[in-house]
Amino acid sequence: MKVELVTSLKRQATKILAELHDSKEPVLITEHGQPSAYLVDVEDYESMQSRMSLLEGIARGERAIRENRTYSNQAAKAKMAKWLK
């Protein structure tokens, strides 16, 4: 992963962004020697958000199973039929 100082980002934003788009590799921005932010390509960010949403849905489903909050196939169909009217 590439690391850049915040001052470098201020001075060379266009160059750093061009390299980011070419390499698709995140850039760690540091301030006063400490990690401050990640700079990521828009497509990569949107893909990560989509994956996180999917994983959160799976986690909710697993939690529902553990808590025995599930429906039989017949009960689920009946419930869906009400929603779809």
Foldseek 3Di string as FASTA:
>chain_A
DAEEEVVCCVVPVVVVVVVCVVVQDWYFYDYPNHTDDIDGDPVVVVVVVVVVVVVVVVVVVVVCVVVVVDDDPVVVVVVVVVVVD
